[in-house]
Structures are given as C-alpha cells and as structure tokens.
C-alpha cells in the first residue's frame, strides 16, 4: 500500500532527471494530546504508532512532581516530550525522533490558537463540547506527524462541523454596568466558523486590543533600575465581505535607528526600540502617515508587535521596609502607590513577598482600603497580599509582624532572608507607552455598511519586582 503525502518530496533531482539519494526527513511528531490540570486526557491522537502508549500518564506524573516549573521540553526513556500550557490546558506532543524543539513548540502554539479561533473560547469545557470539531481540525492540520497548515483562513474552507458556543466565565471583579459605548470583553470570544443554535444575526464588528506587558525592576527606595514594554496590537475581525482596513497610530511615532517621514517626535513622543508587522500589513503609508493598511485574515492575529526599553512612568511604586524589633521578631512594611490617573484602576492585584525559612508565625495588618486580604503560605514561605480594586492616585499599605524560630543577629541579616517583592496586576483602558489608535477606517463605499469598531487598551505585568 502507498501513502500519499502532501509535503514536498524529500528526494531531489539532478539536471539529467536522475534522482539524488538523500536521507529521509525525520517525522515531526508521533503523538498529540490535550490534558486538563487534573491529568484527564481530553483529546488524543497517535499519528505514527512508533511511541509506546500511556505516555500521557507518564508526562502528567513527571510534570506534576517536577521540582519547580517543568521545562517545556524534556526527554524520558528515549521519548521527547514537548508541551505548552494555555488557559489551564496542557498541549503535548511526543516523538522518538530528533526533531526541532522550537518547531514543535511553535506548532503547538499555533494549534492552540486555531482551536480558540474555531471554538471561540479556549478552556476545558469548550474543548469537550467541541471535540468532534477539534478532531476534524487536528486531521487537517497534521498528517502522519507532519504539519500541513495552521492558517485559520485556509482551514475555514475545509471544516464542516459547527461549533458549540460556550459562555466565558464571568470575572470576579464587580465592574460597573457597561454604557452604550462599551461592550463586554467576552464579545470577542466568538467562533470564526458556523455555530449551532445561533439564531441571532451575526454582528458586523471588529475588535482591536492594544495589549502591553511591562517588565520592571526597582530598588528598595522605589527607583527603577530596569524597565521594558512588550506591546502588541491584536485584532479579530467579524466584518462581512473582508474589506480593507486602515489603522492610524500616533503621528509622532519614531523607531530607533530608522528615519521616518512626517512629524518628528518631541517630548512625550512614542519611540519604539523595534517592531514587526503581520504579513498582511501594507506599510506604504506608515512612513509618512503612520497608517497601516491591510485585509484582515480570519481569526485573531497580531497586526503589530513592538518593544520599548526607554524611561516611562511605571504604574505602581513599591517601597518595602524591614525592621528588626527583637532577635526573634521582625516587622515588614510594604507600601504600594498607584501612579495612574484617578479614573483608572488596577484589577486582580497581587503582591507577594518571600519570608525567611525560619518563619514561625505571621500577623498581618491592612490599611483602610476595602477589598484587601493577606495570608502567609507556610509551605512556600510566601506572604500573599490581594487587592481586588486598586484605584489610581491612592496608596495601600501592609504591615506584617513575623516571629522567627531562630534568632537573627542584625537588621542587615534579617533583610538578606526577606524578599524580593513581586507584583501582578491588570489595568484596563490604560497603556504605559501612550501608543494610541487615532482612527480605524473601513474602505467600504456603501452607506448602509456601518460596522461597530471596538478598541481596548490593557496593561499587564510581566515581571514586576522590587528588591529589599
């Protein structure tokens, strides 16, 4: 029996037409599966049958009992395991061949993105309810271990199963009621293909997210030692007819070591260290007008990625103090000030601080701001401080009285075993870099064609650390 392969033939041909013998191309992956955080196998596919069965259980046991975080790639008994973790799910590939680890990680990330595009939401419930659709996508994306395509636009033409829409979980924050000019963030979680029991008329709309992840390292007196912004303009289009879009950014944007036309940046201008654009973007008008033109592909995609390492105003200032009261008692004070406009606020704020291993008891005192909680996790020797809503322009304070089982000789020695302080947060409708979308125009001549345009700014912490 012969196997028809869609990949380019690994055999080359000489000028005279005779074949030149080459080593056979190694298979890409042998098995693929999706696991839950409990270790349940939700999706499984054995492409080649050259790796022993039961690897899903072996993988989960190894990752669960790994000291610290497991690396994305490891080898066990001659089998290479590669995985990515997204939204509480493990996407895993195994192989007995010597394949490119980066290629497999990229394949798994693209597969997870395709599942999200077609299911609308990427979580355990959506994968379980759409398992027939997921298996159909899997068969189109990978053939006998070789990747074929992970392009949502290409897959849309050969997928026939309809998606079962799953509601996104509601956030824990008590957010204010949406006004007519805003839309809930879960409106973007809609499958790109047809859906079951969807009697509602599909809205003609486009979503743009300016997402910035910031990395900050501070000294104990609040001075910024190192800082960087990793930003991305994400877009998801549900426009009928796939018209051309024109996305205009700040007129004074500059890129280091590049000369752009138009107005030159003065004080307060946005200067990018580097940036890259999606393959569909036409940069003809970017040099003079800072305008990106493109026909949006199906699914979610990054129009532009950028990085900034210059000085910027950090959203939160952290000031930690350690004071030794007795040889067995120290007092830790952590002050956090929100240097963002009063109309903005930080959500899901969590401040953590490592405490000495000799910690016996911890007593916490919180400031007057409501919605706070603090606890000491003895197994991790970690102090965790949660703030539900951190209003801009305000300050929060935590005092922890720590009793130690072994004495410390001086204040300097006490400080060595404490810290650093780490912080995670999310600030909606705010971005640190001041990169703005001036307008989003849709090249469609019909007067009746009036789609909705939704633009959202989100700032998240990537690594936000303050040393003692």
Foldseek 3Di string as FASTA:
>chain_A
DDDDDPDPDPWDADPVGHIDDDDDDDFAFQKKFKAALVLDTQDIDGLAPPDDPPVSVVVNVCQVPPDPGDDQWDDDPQKIWGWDDDARMIIITIDNDDHDNVVVNVLSVLLQQLLQQAQLHDDDVQCNQCVVQSVVVVCQQAHSRRGDDSANQVVQVVGDDAGEHDDDDDDPAPDDDDDPQADDPSVSSDHLHHHPPPPDDDAFEKEKEWEKAKAFEAEQAQHTPWIKIKIFIKMAGPHPPQFKKKWAKDQAEAEPPDQAAADHDDPLHFYFPDKDADPQWDCPCCRHGVMIIGRDGHGMDTGMITMDTDDFDDQKTKHWDWADDDQFKIKIKIKIAGQDDQVWKKAFKKKKKAAALQWDDKDKDWDPDPQKDWDADNVRNMIMITHGIGGHGDMIMMMMMTGGPGTDDDRVRRLVRMDKMWMWIKIKQDDTSPIDTPDMDTPDDDPVRDGYYHYIYMYIYDTHIYGD
